[in-house]
């Protein structure tokens, strides 16, 4: 009987490893919040633009309650997010299908539903959900200089450019632009400045304090007043806004 113990143990290990790997492979997508069921949103209140970007290489970015990044692993029933900011979150997997994920925080009775999208980006610079394109979301620990505030705004413009580029490349029928924190208001056929009193708390929280947020608003206001945008003639709004933000990125200093 003893000579059969090693093969059986090896087979059990292979089955376990395969199951875990399959779960991780299926989770390696960009997941966007759609709706919640059961309970309430006291644990975390999400927006249509809230995302969980699980990379195949084991790194992640997310914007759930706030922007975060780090390393992720998964078992058959939970996702473990080990943040680069020294915290660990565990998300229970309620359901996992090809393009649908249901999760909840351990101990919560609220289910959060997400829709999956394949990660087809060649570089982090092309990925609107990467760290390099979301530095503007990370709240500073001190008041910033005018130059640092400008860099934050330019990074924000680059995010918008890559966001519309992604929508165009993946042939999206629609994307949410209203829920994304911004100093810019996007219409069906144009854009304008959001004045301080109209800005979301999420946008204001991207800055050290209200003084820096007001400085950023003034910088963007001055930029928009002196900048002409050559809007392309197109029936595709994604092409229009991609071109607009490309021009703004090139001109913003």
Protein backbone atom coordinates (compact mmCIF):
# COMPACT_ATOMS: atom_id res chain seq x y z
CA UNK A 1 0.00 0.00 0.00
CA UNK A 2 2.81 2.43 0.79
CA UNK A 3 4.13 2.50 -2.76
CA UNK A 4 0.85 4.08 -3.92
CA UNK A 5 0.95 6.98 -1.44
CA UNK A 6 3.38 9.15 -3.42
CA UNK A 7 1.51 8.98 -6.76
CA UNK A 8 -1.83 9.69 -5.02
CA UNK A 9 -0.36 12.69 -3.20
CA UNK A 10 1.17 14.00 -6.42
CA UNK A 11 -2.16 13.62 -8.26
CA UNK A 12 -3.97 15.48 -5.47
CA UNK A 13 -1.43 18.30 -5.63
CA UNK A 14 -1.79 18.53 -9.41
CA UNK A 15 -5.59 18.69 -9.17
CA UNK A 16 -5.40 21.40 -6.51
CA UNK A 17 -2.82 23.41 -8.45
CA UNK A 18 -4.80 23.14 -11.67
CA UNK A 19 -7.99 24.28 -9.97
CA UNK A 20 -6.28 27.29 -8.38
CA UNK A 21 -4.53 28.22 -11.63
CA UNK A 22 -7.80 28.02 -13.55
CA UNK A 23 -9.48 30.38 -11.10
CA UNK A 24 -6.59 32.85 -11.41
CA UNK A 25 -6.62 32.62 -15.20
CA UNK A 26 -10.34 33.33 -15.30
CA UNK A 27 -9.94 36.27 -12.93
CA UNK A 28 -7.14 37.91 -14.93
CA UNK A 29 -9.27 40.65 -16.48
CA UNK A 30 -10.35 44.22 -15.88
CA UNK A 31 -13.57 44.09 -13.89
CA UNK A 32 -16.02 47.01 -13.87
CA UNK A 33 -18.71 47.46 -11.25
CA UNK A 34 -22.28 47.19 -12.56
CA UNK A 35 -24.60 46.89 -9.55
CA UNK A 36 -24.99 45.48 -6.05
CA UNK A 37 -27.56 43.12 -4.58
CA UNK A 38 -28.58 42.37 -1.02
CA UNK A 39 -27.78 44.45 2.02
CA UNK A 40 -26.56 47.97 1.42
CA UNK A 41 -23.36 49.72 0.35
CA UNK A 42 -22.10 50.58 3.81
CA UNK A 43 -18.91 48.55 3.27
CA UNK A 44 -18.01 50.32 0.05
CA UNK A 45 -20.00 52.60 -2.24
CA UNK A 46 -19.02 52.02 -5.85
CA UNK A 47 -19.54 53.92 -9.09
CA UNK A 48 -19.95 52.65 -12.67
CA UNK A 49 -16.29 53.53 -13.22
CA UNK A 50 -15.08 51.55 -10.17
CA UNK A 51 -12.72 48.84 -11.37
CA UNK A 52 -10.55 45.92 -10.32
CA UNK A 53 -7.68 45.37 -12.75
CA UNK A 54 -6.21 41.90 -12.12
CA UNK A 55 -3.11 41.44 -14.28
CA UNK A 56 -1.90 38.00 -15.45
CA UNK A 57 1.53 38.72 -13.91
CA UNK A 58 0.04 38.84 -10.39
CA UNK A 59 -0.10 42.63 -10.01
CA UNK A 60 -3.27 44.67 -9.69
CA UNK A 61 -4.67 48.15 -9.66
CA UNK A 62 -8.11 49.02 -8.37
CA UNK A 63 -10.35 51.96 -7.78
CA UNK A 64 -12.99 50.73 -5.36
CA UNK A 65 -13.13 52.97 -2.30
CA UNK A 66 -9.89 54.64 -3.47
CA UNK A 67 -7.07 53.96 -5.92
CA UNK A 68 -4.76 51.13 -4.91
CA UNK A 69 -2.11 48.84 -6.40
CA UNK A 70 -0.14 45.79 -5.35
CA UNK A 71 -0.04 42.02 -5.82
CA UNK A 72 -2.97 39.62 -6.00
CA UNK A 73 -3.52 35.91 -5.57
CA UNK A 74 -6.65 33.78 -5.61
CA UNK A 75 -8.07 30.58 -4.22
CA UNK A 76 -11.22 28.93 -5.45
CA UNK A 77 -13.36 31.12 -3.19
CA UNK A 78 -11.53 34.39 -2.57
CA UNK A 79 -9.28 37.08 -4.05
CA UNK A 80 -6.43 38.34 -1.84
CA UNK A 81 -5.20 41.86 -2.56
CA UNK A 82 -1.85 42.70 -0.93
CA UNK A 83 -1.49 46.43 -1.35
CA UNK A 84 1.82 48.20 -1.86
CA UNK A 85 0.57 50.46 0.92
CA UNK A 86 0.84 47.72 3.57
CA UNK A 87 -2.77 46.54 3.76
CA UNK A 88 -4.41 43.27 2.74
CA UNK A 89 -8.01 42.91 1.57
CA UNK A 90 -9.85 39.66 1.02
CA UNK A 91 -12.80 39.54 -1.36
CA UNK A 92 -15.08 36.52 -1.25
CA UNK A 93 -16.00 35.16 -4.68
CA UNK A 94 -19.75 34.65 -4.84
CA UNK A 95 -19.79 33.69 -8.52
CA UNK A 96 -17.33 33.64 -11.41
CA UNK A 97 -18.35 33.26 -15.03
CA UNK A 98 -16.68 34.20 -18.31
CA UNK A 99 -17.50 37.91 -18.08
CA UNK A 100 -19.21 38.20 -14.71
CA UNK A 101 -17.81 38.31 -11.20
CA UNK A 102 -19.72 38.63 -7.93
CA UNK A 103 -17.70 39.52 -4.82
CA UNK A 104 -18.20 40.74 -1.29
CA UNK A 105 -15.97 41.74 1.57
CA UNK A 106 -15.51 38.96 4.08
CA UNK A 107 -18.29 39.34 6.65
CA UNK A 108 -20.47 41.57 4.44
CA UNK A 109 -23.90 40.55 3.13
CA UNK A 110 -23.71 42.85 0.12
CA UNK A 111 -22.86 41.32 -3.26
CA UNK A 112 -21.04 43.48 -5.81
CA UNK A 113 -21.46 42.52 -9.46
CA UNK A 114 -18.70 43.21 -12.00
CA UNK A 115 -18.45 42.84 -15.76
CA UNK A 116 -15.14 41.56 -17.18
CA UNK A 117 -13.08 42.91 -20.06
CA UNK A 118 -9.94 41.30 -21.48
CA UNK A 119 -6.63 43.03 -20.80
CA UNK A 120 -5.14 43.60 -24.27
CA UNK A 121 -2.72 46.41 -23.42
CA UNK A 122 0.86 46.08 -24.65
CA UNK A 123 2.34 48.51 -22.10
CA UNK A 124 1.32 50.19 -18.85
CA UNK A 125 1.41 53.52 -20.68
CA UNK A 126 -1.40 52.31 -22.96
CA UNK A 127 -3.50 51.07 -20.06
CA UNK A 128 -5.82 53.77 -18.62
CA UNK A 129 -6.16 51.64 -15.47
CA UNK A 130 -2.42 51.32 -14.74
CA UNK A 131 -0.55 53.09 -11.96
CA UNK A 132 1.28 55.41 -14.38
CA UNK A 133 -2.02 56.74 -15.74
CA UNK A 134 -3.65 57.15 -12.33
CA UNK A 135 -1.04 59.04 -10.34
CA UNK A 136 -3.51 61.93 -10.29
CA UNK A 137 -5.83 59.85 -8.09
CA UNK A 138 -3.24 59.37 -5.33
CA UNK A 139 -3.73 61.96 -2.60
CA UNK A 140 -0.47 63.71 -1.66
CA UNK A 141 0.73 63.89 1.91
CA UNK A 142 1.72 67.56 1.68
CA UNK A 143 0.78 70.74 -0.15
CA UNK A 144 2.07 70.73 -3.72
CA UNK A 145 3.85 73.37 -5.76
CA UNK A 146 2.28 74.84 -8.90
CA UNK A 147 4.56 72.60 -10.96
CA UNK A 148 3.45 69.49 -9.07
CA UNK A 149 -0.21 70.43 -9.48
CA UNK A 150 0.40 70.90 -13.22
CA UNK A 151 1.96 67.44 -13.41
CA UNK A 152 -1.09 65.99 -11.66
CA UNK A 153 -3.41 67.67 -14.17
CA UNK A 154 -1.32 66.52 -17.14
CA UNK A 155 -1.44 62.94 -15.84
CA UNK A 156 -5.22 63.31 -15.58
CA UNK A 157 -5.43 64.46 -19.22
CA UNK A 158 -3.31 61.49 -20.26
CA UNK A 159 -5.71 59.18 -18.44
CA UNK A 160 -8.63 60.60 -20.46
CA UNK A 161 -6.69 60.18 -23.70
CA UNK A 162 -5.97 56.52 -22.96
CA UNK A 163 -9.52 55.94 -21.70
CA UNK A 164 -11.05 57.06 -25.01
CA UNK A 165 -8.35 55.25 -26.97
CA UNK A 166 -9.27 52.03 -25.15
CA UNK A 167 -12.98 52.58 -25.83
CA UNK A 168 -12.25 53.10 -29.52
CA UNK A 169 -9.88 50.13 -29.84
CA UNK A 170 -12.26 47.73 -28.08
CA UNK A 171 -15.28 49.03 -30.02
CA UNK A 172 -17.25 49.98 -26.93
CA UNK A 173 -20.80 51.14 -27.58
CA UNK A 174 -20.71 53.42 -24.53
CA UNK A 175 -18.53 54.29 -21.57
CA UNK A 176 -19.22 56.18 -18.36
CA UNK A 177 -17.67 59.65 -18.24
CA UNK A 178 -19.85 61.24 -15.57
CA UNK A 179 -18.69 59.13 -12.63
CA UNK A 180 -14.95 59.62 -13.20
CA UNK A 181 -13.64 62.35 -10.86
CA UNK A 182 -12.52 65.29 -12.96
CA UNK A 183 -12.15 69.04 -13.32
CA UNK A 184 -13.53 68.63 -16.85
CA UNK A 185 -17.18 68.15 -17.75
CA UNK A 186 -17.69 66.05 -20.87
CA UNK A 187 -20.78 66.55 -23.01
CA UNK A 188 -22.02 64.64 -26.02
CA UNK A 189 -20.25 67.04 -28.35
CA UNK A 190 -17.73 68.99 -26.27
CA UNK A 191 -16.23 69.71 -22.89
CA UNK A 192 -15.97 72.51 -20.36
CA UNK A 193 -14.49 73.36 -16.97
CA UNK A 194 -16.14 72.15 -13.79
CA UNK A 195 -16.02 75.00 -11.30
CA UNK A 196 -14.93 74.18 -7.77
CA UNK A 197 -18.45 74.14 -6.32
CA UNK A 198 -19.55 71.64 -8.98
CA UNK A 199 -16.66 69.23 -8.51
CA UNK A 200 -17.15 65.88 -6.79
CA UNK A 201 -15.67 65.11 -3.42
CA UNK A 202 -13.71 62.30 -5.07
CA UNK A 203 -11.95 64.85 -7.32
CA UNK A 204 -11.32 67.28 -4.46
CA UNK A 205 -9.83 64.39 -2.48
CA UNK A 206 -7.14 63.95 -5.16
CA UNK A 207 -5.46 67.06 -3.70
CA UNK A 208 -3.85 67.78 -0.38
CA UNK A 209 -6.49 70.37 0.52
CA UNK A 210 -9.07 72.73 -0.95
CA UNK A 211 -6.40 75.37 -1.64
CA UNK A 212 -4.51 73.06 -3.97
CA UNK A 213 -7.76 71.94 -5.63
CA UNK A 214 -8.68 75.56 -6.33
CA UNK A 215 -5.20 76.16 -7.77
CA UNK A 216 -5.71 73.19 -10.10
CA UNK A 217 -9.09 74.58 -11.17
CA UNK A 218 -7.56 77.96 -11.99
CA UNK A 219 -4.73 76.31 -13.95
CA UNK A 220 -7.18 74.31 -16.05
CA UNK A 221 -9.44 77.31 -16.53
CA UNK A 222 -6.56 79.42 -17.85
CA UNK A 223 -5.46 76.58 -20.11
CA UNK A 224 -8.91 76.04 -21.62
CA UNK A 225 -9.38 79.78 -22.22
CA UNK A 226 -6.23 80.10 -24.30
CA UNK A 227 -6.30 76.69 -26.04
CA UNK A 228 -8.05 76.04 -29.33
CA UNK A 229 -9.07 72.47 -29.99
CA UNK A 230 -9.46 71.34 -33.60
CA UNK A 231 -12.41 68.99 -33.27
CA UNK A 232 -12.37 66.30 -35.97
CA UNK A 233 -15.41 65.73 -38.17
CA UNK A 234 -16.61 62.32 -37.04
CA UNK A 235 -19.83 60.57 -36.08
CA UNK A 236 -17.85 58.60 -33.49
CA UNK A 237 -17.65 60.55 -30.20
CA UNK A 238 -14.72 58.42 -29.03
CA UNK A 239 -12.66 59.63 -32.00
CA UNK A 240 -13.64 63.22 -31.22
CA UNK A 241 -12.63 63.10 -27.59
CA UNK A 242 -9.50 61.06 -28.25
CA UNK A 243 -8.32 63.77 -30.64
CA UNK A 244 -9.30 66.53 -28.20
CA UNK A 245 -7.39 65.05 -25.27
CA UNK A 246 -4.37 64.25 -27.45
CA UNK A 247 -4.21 67.93 -28.40
CA UNK A 248 -4.69 69.04 -24.81
CA UNK A 249 -1.91 66.72 -23.65
CA UNK A 250 0.47 68.10 -26.24
CA UNK A 251 -0.28 71.72 -25.31
CA UNK A 252 -0.61 71.50 -21.55
CA UNK A 253 2.50 72.53 -19.62
